[in-house]
């Protein structure tokens, strides 16, 4: 069973706040089934995107070389999925494997 996206996003924001990380909703999508994307950004302005794997549980990490690459990525994604959610998560280092501790809407972690 898959959690509603809005419920899952709000729980993730609370979880990250308890860990001292700042999570911000950049774009709200469909409250029930919008696909969540998480932008990871650190103090060095390094960027990566996490997205739920389509055919299995867990997360896929997509490194981004620049803000321009990130913007282009989401322009393309919104053409295919206008209901997506975008959450920005400030972390101490983008290289940290945060996806290992994140559950998906299916309830499992990577």
PDB file of N, CA and C in Angstrom:
ATOM      1  N   UNK A   1       0.836  -1.176   0.000  1.00  0.00           N
ATOM      2  CA  UNK A   1       0.000   0.000   0.000  1.00  0.00           C
ATOM      3  C   UNK A   1       0.887   1.247   0.000  1.00  0.00           C
ATOM      4  N   UNK A   2       0.534   2.217  -0.801  1.00  0.00           N
ATOM      5  CA  UNK A   2       1.309   3.436  -0.945  1.00  0.00           C
ATOM      6  C   UNK A   2       0.661   4.560  -0.136  1.00  0.00           C
ATOM      7  N   UNK A   3       1.482   5.296   0.623  1.00  0.00           N
ATOM      8  CA  UNK A   3       0.986   6.450   1.363  1.00  0.00           C
ATOM      9  C   UNK A   3       0.632   7.581   0.404  1.00  0.00           C
ATOM     10  N   UNK A   4      -0.325   8.400   0.803  1.00  0.00           N
ATOM     11  CA  UNK A   4      -0.623   9.596   0.012  1.00  0.00           C
ATOM     12  C   UNK A   4       0.603  10.501   0.045  1.00  0.00           C
ATOM     13  N   UNK A   5       0.912  11.095  -1.089  1.00  0.00           N
ATOM     14  CA  UNK A   5       2.146  11.871  -1.212  1.00  0.00           C
ATOM     15  C   UNK A   5       2.203  13.035  -0.233  1.00  0.00           C
ATOM     16  N   UNK A   6       1.120  13.775  -0.095  1.00  0.00           N
ATOM     17  CA  UNK A   6       1.154  14.936   0.805  1.00  0.00           C
ATOM     18  C   UNK A   6       1.454  14.507   2.245  1.00  0.00           C
ATOM     19  N   UNK A   7       0.847  13.439   2.702  1.00  0.00           N
ATOM     20  CA  UNK A   7       1.089  12.918   4.045  1.00  0.00           C
ATOM     21  C   UNK A   7       2.559  12.522   4.195  1.00  0.00           C
ATOM     22  N   UNK A   8       3.094  11.816   3.203  1.00  0.00           N
ATOM     23  CA  UNK A   8       4.483  11.355   3.239  1.00  0.00           C
ATOM     24  C   UNK A   8       5.448  12.550   3.267  1.00  0.00           C
ATOM     25  N   UNK A   9       5.180  13.570   2.432  1.00  0.00           N
ATOM     26  CA  UNK A   9       6.040  14.764   2.361  1.00  0.00           C
ATOM     27  C   UNK A   9       6.058  15.479   3.711  1.00  0.00           C
ATOM     28  N   UNK A  10       4.901  15.669   4.303  1.00  0.00           N
ATOM     29  CA  UNK A  10       4.833  16.375   5.593  1.00  0.00           C
ATOM     30  C   UNK A  10       5.566  15.592   6.696  1.00  0.00           C
ATOM     31  N   UNK A  11       5.465  14.279   6.681  1.00  0.00           N
ATOM     32  CA  UNK A  11       6.196  13.455   7.647  1.00  0.00           C
ATOM     33  C   UNK A  11       7.703  13.579   7.428  1.00  0.00           C
ATOM     34  N   UNK A  12       8.128  13.608   6.169  1.00  0.00           N
ATOM     35  CA  UNK A  12       9.552  13.740   5.867  1.00  0.00           C
ATOM     36  C   UNK A  12      10.080  15.093   6.341  1.00  0.00           C
ATOM     37  N   UNK A  13       9.322  16.148   6.145  1.00  0.00           N
ATOM     38  CA  UNK A  13       9.741  17.483   6.603  1.00  0.00           C
ATOM     39  C   UNK A  13       9.925  17.481   8.121  1.00  0.00           C
ATOM     40  N   UNK A  14       8.985  16.900   8.851  1.00  0.00           N
ATOM     41  CA  UNK A  14       9.106  16.828  10.316  1.00  0.00           C
ATOM     42  C   UNK A  14      10.319  15.989  10.728  1.00  0.00           C
ATOM     43  N   UNK A  15      10.508  14.857  10.065  1.00  0.00           N
ATOM     44  CA  UNK A  15      11.646  13.992  10.385  1.00  0.00           C
ATOM     45  C   UNK A  15      12.966  14.735  10.177  1.00  0.00           C
ATOM     46  N   UNK A  16      13.090  15.432   9.069  1.00  0.00           N
ATOM     47  CA  UNK A  16      14.334  16.137   8.776  1.00  0.00           C
ATOM     48  C   UNK A  16      14.550  17.312   9.725  1.00  0.00           C
ATOM     49  N   UNK A  17      13.481  17.991  10.127  1.00  0.00           N
ATOM     50  CA  UNK A  17      13.599  19.085  11.099  1.00  0.00           C
ATOM     51  C   UNK A  17      14.141  18.562  12.427  1.00  0.00           C
ATOM     52  N   UNK A  18      13.696  17.379  12.822  1.00  0.00           N
ATOM     53  CA  UNK A  18      14.187  16.776  14.065  1.00  0.00           C
ATOM     54  C   UNK A  18      15.673  16.446  13.962  1.00  0.00           C
ATOM     55  N   UNK A  19      16.166  16.234  12.770  1.00  0.00           N
ATOM     56  CA  UNK A  19      17.590  15.931  12.545  1.00  0.00           C
ATOM     57  C   UNK A  19      18.412  17.181  12.266  1.00  0.00           C
ATOM     58  N   UNK A  20      17.766  18.338  12.311  1.00  0.00           N
ATOM     59  CA  UNK A  20      18.480  19.597  12.103  1.00  0.00           C
ATOM     60  C   UNK A  20      18.627  20.001  10.650  1.00  0.00           C
ATOM     61  N   UNK A  21      17.935  19.328   9.743  1.00  0.00           N
ATOM     62  CA  UNK A  21      17.974  19.676   8.325  1.00  0.00           C
ATOM     63  C   UNK A  21      16.761  20.532   7.966  1.00  0.00           C
ATOM     64  N   UNK A  22      16.927  21.384   6.993  1.00  0.00           N
ATOM     65  CA  UNK A  22      15.832  22.234   6.529  1.00  0.00           C
ATOM     66  C   UNK A  22      15.269  21.641   5.249  1.00  0.00           C
ATOM     67  N   UNK A  23      13.968  21.360   5.256  1.00  0.00           N
ATOM     68  CA  UNK A  23      13.277  20.833   4.078  1.00  0.00           C
ATOM     69  C   UNK A  23      12.166  21.804   3.703  1.00  0.00           C
ATOM     70  N   UNK A  24      12.097  22.156   2.421  1.00  0.00           N
ATOM     71  CA  UNK A  24      11.132  23.129   1.932  1.00  0.00           C
ATOM     72  C   UNK A  24      10.402  22.570   0.720  1.00  0.00           C
ATOM     73  N   UNK A  25       9.098  22.751   0.687  1.00  0.00           N
ATOM     74  CA  UNK A  25       8.326  22.359  -0.495  1.00  0.00           C
ATOM     75  C   UNK A  25       8.525  23.426  -1.564  1.00  0.00           C
ATOM     76  N   UNK A  26       9.076  23.023  -2.706  1.00  0.00           N
ATOM     77  CA  UNK A  26       9.303  23.917  -3.833  1.00  0.00           C
ATOM     78  C   UNK A  26       8.092  23.923  -4.762  1.00  0.00           C
ATOM     79  N   UNK A  27       7.507  22.741  -4.956  1.00  0.00           N
ATOM     80  CA  UNK A  27       6.330  22.602  -5.826  1.00  0.00           C
ATOM     81  C   UNK A  27       5.416  21.536  -5.250  1.00  0.00           C
ATOM     82  N   UNK A  28       4.148  21.915  -5.084  1.00  0.00           N
ATOM     83  CA  UNK A  28       3.146  20.947  -4.642  1.00  0.00           C
ATOM     84  C   UNK A  28       2.540  20.271  -5.860  1.00  0.00           C
ATOM     85  N   UNK A  29       2.373  18.976  -5.762  1.00  0.00           N
ATOM     86  CA  UNK A  29       1.746  18.211  -6.828  1.00  0.00           C
ATOM     87  C   UNK A  29       0.430  17.628  -6.363  1.00  0.00           C
ATOM     88  N   UNK A  30       0.037  16.544  -6.976  1.00  0.00           N
ATOM     89  CA  UNK A  30      -1.193  15.856  -6.609  1.00  0.00           C
ATOM     90  C   UNK A  30      -1.069  15.326  -5.180  1.00  0.00           C
ATOM     91  N   UNK A  31      -2.060  15.620  -4.330  1.00  0.00           N
ATOM     92  CA  UNK A  31      -1.948  15.249  -2.917  1.00  0.00           C
ATOM     93  C   UNK A  31      -1.991  13.748  -2.691  1.00  0.00           C
ATOM     94  N   UNK A  32      -2.584  13.024  -3.621  1.00  0.00           N
ATOM     95  CA  UNK A  32      -2.708  11.581  -3.442  1.00  0.00           C
ATOM     96  C   UNK A  32      -1.568  10.795  -4.078  1.00  0.00           C
ATOM     97  N   UNK A  33      -1.219  11.132  -5.318  1.00  0.00           N
ATOM     98  CA  UNK A  33      -0.327  10.242  -6.066  1.00  0.00           C
ATOM     99  C   UNK A  33       0.800  10.951  -6.809  1.00  0.00           C
ATOM    100  N   UNK A  34       1.061  12.228  -6.529  1.00  0.00           N
ATOM    101  CA  UNK A  34       2.160  12.909  -7.211  1.00  0.00           C
ATOM    102  C   UNK A  34       3.499  12.289  -6.845  1.00  0.00           C
ATOM    103  N   UNK A  35       4.373  12.140  -7.808  1.00  0.00           N
ATOM    104  CA  UNK A  35       5.695  11.555  -7.575  1.00  0.00           C
ATOM    105  C   UNK A  35       6.577  12.552  -6.815  1.00  0.00           C
ATOM    106  N   UNK A  36       7.189  12.138  -5.698  1.00  0.00           N
ATOM    107  CA  UNK A  36       8.074  13.054  -4.972  1.00  0.00           C
ATOM    108  C   UNK A  36       9.501  13.035  -5.510  1.00  0.00           C
ATOM    109  N   UNK A  37      10.061  14.213  -5.664  1.00  0.00           N
ATOM    110  CA  UNK A  37      11.465  14.397  -6.003  1.00  0.00           C
ATOM    111  C   UNK A  37      12.089  15.209  -4.884  1.00  0.00           C
ATOM    112  N   UNK A  38      13.299  14.846  -4.488  1.00  0.00           N
ATOM    113  CA  UNK A  38      13.985  15.560  -3.414  1.00  0.00           C
ATOM    114  C   UNK A  38      15.282  16.140  -3.968  1.00  0.00           C
ATOM    115  N   UNK A  39      15.380  17.457  -3.913  1.00  0.00           N
ATOM    116  CA  UNK A  39      16.620  18.131  -4.298  1.00  0.00           C
ATOM    117  C   UNK A  39      17.504  18.184  -3.062  1.00  0.00           C
ATOM    118  N   UNK A  40      18.688  17.632  -3.164  1.00  0.00           N
ATOM    119  CA  UNK A  40      19.677  17.719  -2.087  1.00  0.00           C
ATOM    120  C   UNK A  40      20.635  18.843  -2.436  1.00  0.00           C
ATOM    121  N   UNK A  41      20.861  19.737  -1.499  1.00  0.00           N
ATOM    122  CA  UNK A  41      21.784  20.841  -1.731  1.00  0.00           C
ATOM    123  C   UNK A  41      22.578  21.068  -0.453  1.00  0.00           C
ATOM    124  N   UNK A  42      23.873  21.376  -0.599  1.00  0.00           N
ATOM    125  CA  UNK A  42      24.697  21.603   0.589  1.00  0.00           C
ATOM    126  C   UNK A  42      25.314  22.996   0.557  1.00  0.00           C
ATOM    127  N   UNK A  43      26.123  23.295   1.560  1.00  0.00           N
ATOM    128  CA  UNK A  43      26.717  24.635   1.689  1.00  0.00           C
ATOM    129  C   UNK A  43      27.651  24.972   0.531  1.00  0.00           C
ATOM    130  N   UNK A  44      28.216  23.948  -0.102  1.00  0.00           N
ATOM    131  CA  UNK A  44      29.099  24.174  -1.253  1.00  0.00           C
ATOM    132  C   UNK A  44      28.309  24.357  -2.543  1.00  0.00           C
ATOM    133  N   UNK A  45      26.981  24.288  -2.449  1.00  0.00           N
ATOM    134  CA  UNK A  45      26.057  24.403  -3.585  1.00  0.00           C
ATOM    135  C   UNK A  45      26.140  23.188  -4.507  1.00  0.00           C
ATOM    136  N   UNK A  46      26.627  22.058  -3.985  1.00  0.00           N
ATOM    137  CA  UNK A  46      26.555  20.801  -4.727  1.00  0.00           C
ATOM    138  C   UNK A  46      25.091  20.379  -4.753  1.00  0.00           C
ATOM    139  N   UNK A  47      24.679  19.740  -5.850  1.00  0.00           N
ATOM    140  CA  UNK A  47      23.269  19.413  -6.044  1.00  0.00           C
ATOM    141  C   UNK A  47      23.122  17.978  -6.534  1.00  0.00           C
ATOM    142  N   UNK A  48      22.111  17.294  -6.005  1.00  0.00           N
ATOM    143  CA  UNK A  48      21.687  15.983  -6.508  1.00  0.00           C
ATOM    144  C   UNK A  48      20.176  15.908  -6.341  1.00  0.00           C
ATOM    145  N   UNK A  49      19.564  15.014  -7.102  1.00  0.00           N
ATOM    146  CA  UNK A  49      18.123  14.800  -7.004  1.00  0.00           C
ATOM    147  C   UNK A  49      17.887  13.336  -6.652  1.00  0.00           C
ATOM    148  N   UNK A  50      16.972  13.110  -5.722  1.00  0.00           N
ATOM    149  CA  UNK A  50      16.525  11.760  -5.407  1.00  0.00           C
ATOM    150  C   UNK A  50      15.116  11.598  -5.953  1.00  0.00           C
ATOM    151  N   UNK A  51      14.856  10.449  -6.566  1.00  0.00           N
ATOM    152  CA  UNK A  51      13.496  10.127  -6.984  1.00  0.00           C
ATOM    153  C   UNK A  51      13.228   8.663  -6.675  1.00  0.00           C
ATOM    154  N   UNK A  52      11.972   8.381  -6.370  1.00  0.00           N
ATOM    155  CA  UNK A  52      11.606   7.000  -6.101  1.00  0.00           C
ATOM    156  C   UNK A  52      11.838   6.168  -7.354  1.00  0.00           C
ATOM    157  N   UNK A  53      12.366   4.990  -7.157  1.00  0.00           N
ATOM    158  CA  UNK A  53      12.535   4.084  -8.291  1.00  0.00           C
ATOM    159  C   UNK A  53      11.170   3.646  -8.793  1.00  0.00           C
ATOM    160  N   UNK A  54      11.026   3.586 -10.087  1.00  0.00           N
ATOM    161  CA  UNK A  54       9.723   3.278 -10.684  1.00  0.00           C
ATOM    162  C   UNK A  54       9.301   1.828 -10.488  1.00  0.00           C
ATOM    163  N   UNK A  55      10.205   0.898 -10.638  1.00  0.00           N
ATOM    164  CA  UNK A  55       9.832  -0.514 -10.623  1.00  0.00           C
ATOM    165  C   UNK A  55      10.244  -1.259  -9.360  1.00  0.00           C
ATOM    166  N   UNK A  56      10.863  -0.573  -8.421  1.00  0.00           N
ATOM    167  CA  UNK A  56      11.264  -1.231  -7.182  1.00  0.00           C
ATOM    168  C   UNK A  56      11.258  -0.217  -6.056  1.00  0.00           C
ATOM    169  N   UNK A  57      11.392  -0.699  -4.854  1.00  0.00           N
ATOM    170  CA  UNK A  57      11.470   0.202  -3.718  1.00  0.00           C
ATOM    171  C   UNK A  57      12.839   0.860  -3.689  1.00  0.00           C
ATOM    172  N   UNK A  58      12.909   1.970  -3.010  1.00  0.00           N
ATOM    173  CA  UNK A  58      14.179   2.663  -2.860  1.00  0.00           C
ATOM    174  C   UNK A  58      14.250   3.919  -3.697  1.00  0.00           C
ATOM    175  N   UNK A  59      15.424   4.487  -3.708  1.00  0.00           N
ATOM    176  CA  UNK A  59      15.661   5.784  -4.331  1.00  0.00           C
ATOM    177  C   UNK A  59      16.739   5.700  -5.398  1.00  0.00           C
ATOM    178  N   UNK A  60      16.605   6.534  -6.387  1.00  0.00           N
ATOM    179  CA  UNK A  60      17.630   6.706  -7.419  1.00  0.00           C
ATOM    180  C   UNK A  60      18.235   8.085  -7.225  1.00  0.00           C
ATOM    181  N   UNK A  61      19.578   8.157  -7.223  1.00  0.00           N
ATOM    182  CA  UNK A  61      20.284   9.435  -7.052  1.00  0.00           C
ATOM    183  C   UNK A  61      20.756   9.930  -8.414  1.00  0.00           C
ATOM    184  N   UNK A  62      20.455  11.188  -8.698  1.00  0.00           N
ATOM    185  CA  UNK A  62      20.847  11.805  -9.962  1.00  0.00           C
ATOM    186  C   UNK A  62      21.695  13.046  -9.660  1.00  0.00           C
ATOM    187  N   UNK A  63      23.022  12.971  -9.843  1.00  0.00           N
ATOM    188  CA  UNK A  63      23.863  14.151  -9.610  1.00  0.00           C
ATOM    189  C   UNK A  63      23.567  15.237 -10.652  1.00  0.00           C
ATOM    190  N   UNK A  64      23.606  16.484 -10.222  1.00  0.00           N
ATOM    191  CA  UNK A  64      23.394  17.617 -11.123  1.00  0.00           C
ATOM    192  C   UNK A  64      24.653  18.475 -11.115  1.00  0.00           C
ATOM    193  N   UNK A  65      25.135  18.837 -12.296  1.00  0.00           N
ATOM    194  CA  UNK A  65      26.378  19.600 -12.398  1.00  0.00           C
ATOM    195  C   UNK A  65      26.183  21.081 -12.069  1.00  0.00           C
ATOM    196  N   UNK A  66      24.944  21.577 -12.267  1.00  0.00           N
ATOM    197  CA  UNK A  66      24.706  23.007 -12.059  1.00  0.00           C
ATOM    198  C   UNK A  66      23.221  23.262 -11.811  1.00  0.00           C
ATOM    199  N   UNK A  67      22.920  24.482 -11.397  1.00  0.00           N
ATOM    200  CA  UNK A  67      21.526  24.885 -11.222  1.00  0.00           C
ATOM    201  C   UNK A  67      20.793  24.829 -12.563  1.00  0.00           C
ATOM    202  N   UNK A  68      21.476  25.160 -13.645  1.00  0.00           N
ATOM    203  CA  UNK A  68      20.875  25.084 -14.977  1.00  0.00           C
ATOM    204  C   UNK A  68      20.467  23.664 -15.346  1.00  0.00           C
ATOM    205  N   UNK A  69      21.327  22.693 -15.016  1.00  0.00           N
ATOM    206  CA  UNK A  69      20.987  21.286 -15.252  1.00  0.00           C
ATOM    207  C   UNK A  69      19.768  20.874 -14.438  1.00  0.00           C
ATOM    208  N   UNK A  70      19.714  21.341 -13.200  1.00  0.00           N
ATOM    209  CA  UNK A  70      18.574  21.032 -12.331  1.00  0.00           C
ATOM    210  C   UNK A  70      17.279  21.606 -12.915  1.00  0.00           C
ATOM    211  N   UNK A  71      17.332  22.866 -13.334  1.00  0.00           N
ATOM    212  CA  UNK A  71      16.148  23.506 -13.919  1.00  0.00           C
ATOM    213  C   UNK A  71      15.689  22.762 -15.168  1.00  0.00           C
ATOM    214  N   UNK A  72      16.626  22.404 -16.035  1.00  0.00           N
ATOM    215  CA  UNK A  72      16.290  21.668 -17.261  1.00  0.00           C
ATOM    216  C   UNK A  72      15.688  20.307 -16.949  1.00  0.00           C
ATOM    217  N   UNK A  73      16.222  19.628 -15.943  1.00  0.00           N
ATOM    218  CA  UNK A  73      15.706  18.327 -15.539  1.00  0.00           C
ATOM    219  C   UNK A  73      14.237  18.427 -15.151  1.00  0.00           C
ATOM    220  N   UNK A  74      13.901  19.421 -14.324  1.00  0.00           N
ATOM    221  CA  UNK A  74      12.517  19.535 -13.873  1.00  0.00           C
ATOM    222  C   UNK A  74      11.573  20.036 -14.959  1.00  0.00           C
ATOM    223  N   UNK A  75      12.060  20.819 -15.887  1.00  0.00           N
ATOM    224  CA  UNK A  75      11.224  21.202 -17.035  1.00  0.00           C
ATOM    225  C   UNK A  75      10.834  19.954 -17.816  1.00  0.00           C
ATOM    226  N   UNK A  76      11.797  19.056 -18.047  1.00  0.00           N
ATOM    227  CA  UNK A  76      11.503  17.802 -18.748  1.00  0.00           C
ATOM    228  C   UNK A  76      10.559  16.912 -17.941  1.00  0.00           C
ATOM    229  N   UNK A  77      10.813  16.785 -16.639  1.00  0.00           N
ATOM    230  CA  UNK A  77       9.992  15.905 -15.809  1.00  0.00           C
ATOM    231  C   UNK A  77       8.547  16.380 -15.735  1.00  0.00           C
ATOM    232  N   UNK A  78       8.349  17.685 -15.667  1.00  0.00           N
ATOM    233  CA  UNK A  78       6.985  18.218 -15.558  1.00  0.00           C
ATOM    234  C   UNK A  78       6.178  18.008 -16.835  1.00  0.00           C
ATOM    235  N   UNK A  79       6.850  17.834 -17.956  1.00  0.00           N
ATOM    236  CA  UNK A  79       6.136  17.509 -19.204  1.00  0.00           C
ATOM    237  C   UNK A  79       5.490  16.130 -19.108  1.00  0.00           C
ATOM    238  N   UNK A  80       6.170  15.192 -18.427  1.00  0.00           N
ATOM    239  CA  UNK A  80       5.680  13.823 -18.289  1.00  0.00           C
ATOM    240  C   UNK A  80       4.788  13.639 -17.064  1.00  0.00           C
ATOM    241  N   UNK A  81       5.054  14.423 -16.030  1.00  0.00           N
ATOM    242  CA  UNK A  81       4.321  14.263 -14.777  1.00  0.00           C
ATOM    243  C   UNK A  81       4.038  15.636 -14.164  1.00  0.00           C
ATOM    244  N   UNK A  82       2.993  16.304 -14.618  1.00  0.00           N
ATOM    245  CA  UNK A  82       2.691  17.642 -14.088  1.00  0.00           C
ATOM    246  C   UNK A  82       2.253  17.626 -12.619  1.00  0.00           C
ATOM    247  N   UNK A  83       1.971  16.439 -12.071  1.00  0.00           N
ATOM    248  CA  UNK A  83       1.519  16.324 -10.687  1.00  0.00           C
ATOM    249  C   UNK A  83       2.643  16.060  -9.692  1.00  0.00           C
ATOM    250  N   UNK A  84       3.900  16.154 -10.136  1.00  0.00           N
ATOM    251  CA  UNK A  84       5.025  15.834  -9.257  1.00  0.00           C
ATOM    252  C   UNK A  84       5.184  16.845  -8.130  1.00  0.00           C
ATOM    253  N   UNK A  85       5.817  16.384  -7.062  1.00  0.00           N
ATOM    254  CA  UNK A  85       6.183  17.231  -5.925  1.00  0.00           C
ATOM    255  C   UNK A  85       7.690  17.440  -5.968  1.00  0.00           C
ATOM    256  N   UNK A  86       8.138  18.648  -5.584  1.00  0.00           N
ATOM    257  CA  UNK A  86       9.568  18.921  -5.464  1.00  0.00           C
ATOM    258  C   UNK A  86       9.825  19.435  -4.057  1.00  0.00           C
ATOM    259  N   UNK A  87      10.710  18.744  -3.366  1.00  0.00           N
ATOM    260  CA  UNK A  87      11.100  19.105  -2.011  1.00  0.00           C
ATOM    261  C   UNK A  87      12.594  19.397  -2.029  1.00  0.00           C
ATOM    262  N   UNK A  88      13.008  20.520  -1.437  1.00  0.00           N
ATOM    263  CA  UNK A  88      14.435  20.832  -1.339  1.00  0.00           C
ATOM    264  C   UNK A  88      14.901  20.549   0.070  1.00  0.00           C
ATOM    265  N   UNK A  89      15.992  19.813   0.193  1.00  0.00           N
ATOM    266  CA  UNK A  89      16.534  19.418   1.489  1.00  0.00           C
ATOM    267  C   UNK A  89      17.975  19.898   1.591  1.00  0.00           C
ATOM    268  N   UNK A  90      18.218  20.790   2.550  1.00  0.00           N
ATOM    269  CA  UNK A  90      19.572  21.267   2.788  1.00  0.00           C
ATOM    270  C   UNK A  90      20.271  20.272   3.704  1.00  0.00           C
ATOM    271  N   UNK A  91      21.407  19.760   3.241  1.00  0.00           N
ATOM    272  CA  UNK A  91      22.168  18.777   4.003  1.00  0.00           C
ATOM    273  C   UNK A  91      23.589  19.281   4.232  1.00  0.00           C
ATOM    274  N   UNK A  92      24.297  18.638   5.126  1.00  0.00           N
ATOM    275  CA  UNK A  92      25.684  19.039   5.375  1.00  0.00           C
ATOM    276  C   UNK A  92      26.581  18.690   4.193  1.00  0.00           C
ATOM    277  N   UNK A  93      26.268  17.585   3.492  1.00  0.00           N
ATOM    278  CA  UNK A  93      27.039  17.184   2.309  1.00  0.00           C
ATOM    279  C   UNK A  93      26.148  16.357   1.384  1.00  0.00           C
ATOM    280  N   UNK A  94      26.054  16.771   0.139  1.00  0.00           N
ATOM    281  CA  UNK A  94      25.240  16.038  -0.843  1.00  0.00           C
ATOM    282  C   UNK A  94      25.738  14.616  -1.005  1.00  0.00           C
ATOM    283  N   UNK A  95      27.030  14.411  -0.793  1.00  0.00           N
ATOM    284  CA  UNK A  95      27.606  13.069  -0.964  1.00  0.00           C
ATOM    285  C   UNK A  95      27.145  12.081   0.108  1.00  0.00           C
ATOM    286  N   UNK A  96      26.614  12.572   1.229  1.00  0.00           N
ATOM    287  CA  UNK A  96      26.107  11.660   2.262  1.00  0.00           C
ATOM    288  C   UNK A  96      24.941  10.853   1.692  1.00  0.00           C
ATOM    289  N   UNK A  97      24.926   9.556   1.908  1.00  0.00           N
ATOM    290  CA  UNK A  97      23.870   8.700   1.338  1.00  0.00           C
ATOM    291  C   UNK A  97      22.557   8.777   2.130  1.00  0.00           C
ATOM    292  N   UNK A  98      21.935   9.939   2.129  1.00  0.00           N
ATOM    293  CA  UNK A  98      20.712  10.149   2.910  1.00  0.00           C
ATOM    294  C   UNK A  98      19.581   9.224   2.481  1.00  0.00           C
ATOM    295  N   UNK A  99      19.612   8.787   1.227  1.00  0.00           N
ATOM    296  CA  UNK A  99      18.550   7.897   0.740  1.00  0.00           C
ATOM    297  C   UNK A  99      18.531   6.560   1.480  1.00  0.00           C
ATOM    298  N   UNK A 100      19.627   6.206   2.140  1.00  0.00           N
ATOM    299  CA  UNK A 100      19.676   4.961   2.915  1.00  0.00           C
ATOM    300  C   UNK A 100      18.733   5.012   4.121  1.00  0.00           C
ATOM    301  N   UNK A 101      18.453   6.222   4.620  1.00  0.00           N
ATOM    302  CA  UNK A 101      17.586   6.356   5.789  1.00  0.00           C
ATOM    303  C   UNK A 101      16.171   6.823   5.451  1.00  0.00           C
ATOM    304  N   UNK A 102      15.918   7.134   4.195  1.00  0.00           N
ATOM    305  CA  UNK A 102      14.588   7.597   3.799  1.00  0.00           C
ATOM    306  C   UNK A 102      13.696   6.428   3.410  1.00  0.00           C
ATOM    307  N   UNK A 103      12.487   6.444   3.897  1.00  0.00           N
ATOM    308  CA  UNK A 103      11.521   5.476   3.409  1.00  0.00           C
ATOM    309  C   UNK A 103      10.879   6.029   2.156  1.00  0.00           C
ATOM    310  N   UNK A 104      10.281   5.162   1.377  1.00  0.00           N
ATOM    311  CA  UNK A 104       9.514   5.595   0.221  1.00  0.00           C
ATOM    312  C   UNK A 104       8.036   5.628   0.614  1.00  0.00           C
ATOM    313  N   UNK A 105       7.191   6.022  -0.302  1.00  0.00           N
ATOM    314  CA  UNK A 105       5.743   6.003  -0.017  1.00  0.00           C
ATOM    315  C   UNK A 105       5.245   4.581   0.135  1.00  0.00           C
ATOM    316  N   UNK A 106       6.053   3.614  -0.279  1.00  0.00           N
ATOM    317  CA  UNK A 106       5.703   2.196  -0.114  1.00  0.00           C
ATOM    318  C   UNK A 106       6.062   1.686   1.279  1.00  0.00           C
ATOM    319  N   UNK A 107       6.842   2.526   2.016  1.00  0.00           N
ATOM    320  CA  UNK A 107       7.191   2.172   3.382  1.00  0.00           C
ATOM    321  C   UNK A 107       8.524   1.501   3.562  1.00  0.00           C
ATOM    322  N   UNK A 108       9.343   1.403   2.515  1.00  0.00           N
ATOM    323  CA  UNK A 108      10.645   0.767   2.671  1.00  0.00           C
ATOM    324  C   UNK A 108      11.747   1.761   2.382  1.00  0.00           C
ATOM    325  N   UNK A 109      12.952   1.482   2.886  1.00  0.00           N
ATOM    326  CA  UNK A 109      14.111   2.308   2.589  1.00  0.00           C
ATOM    327  C   UNK A 109      14.988   1.594   1.596  1.00  0.00           C
ATOM    328  N   UNK A 110      15.992   2.280   1.094  1.00  0.00           N
ATOM    329  CA  UNK A 110      16.863   1.761   0.048  1.00  0.00           C
ATOM    330  C   UNK A 110      17.683   0.589   0.492  1.00  0.00           C
TER     331      UNK A 110
END
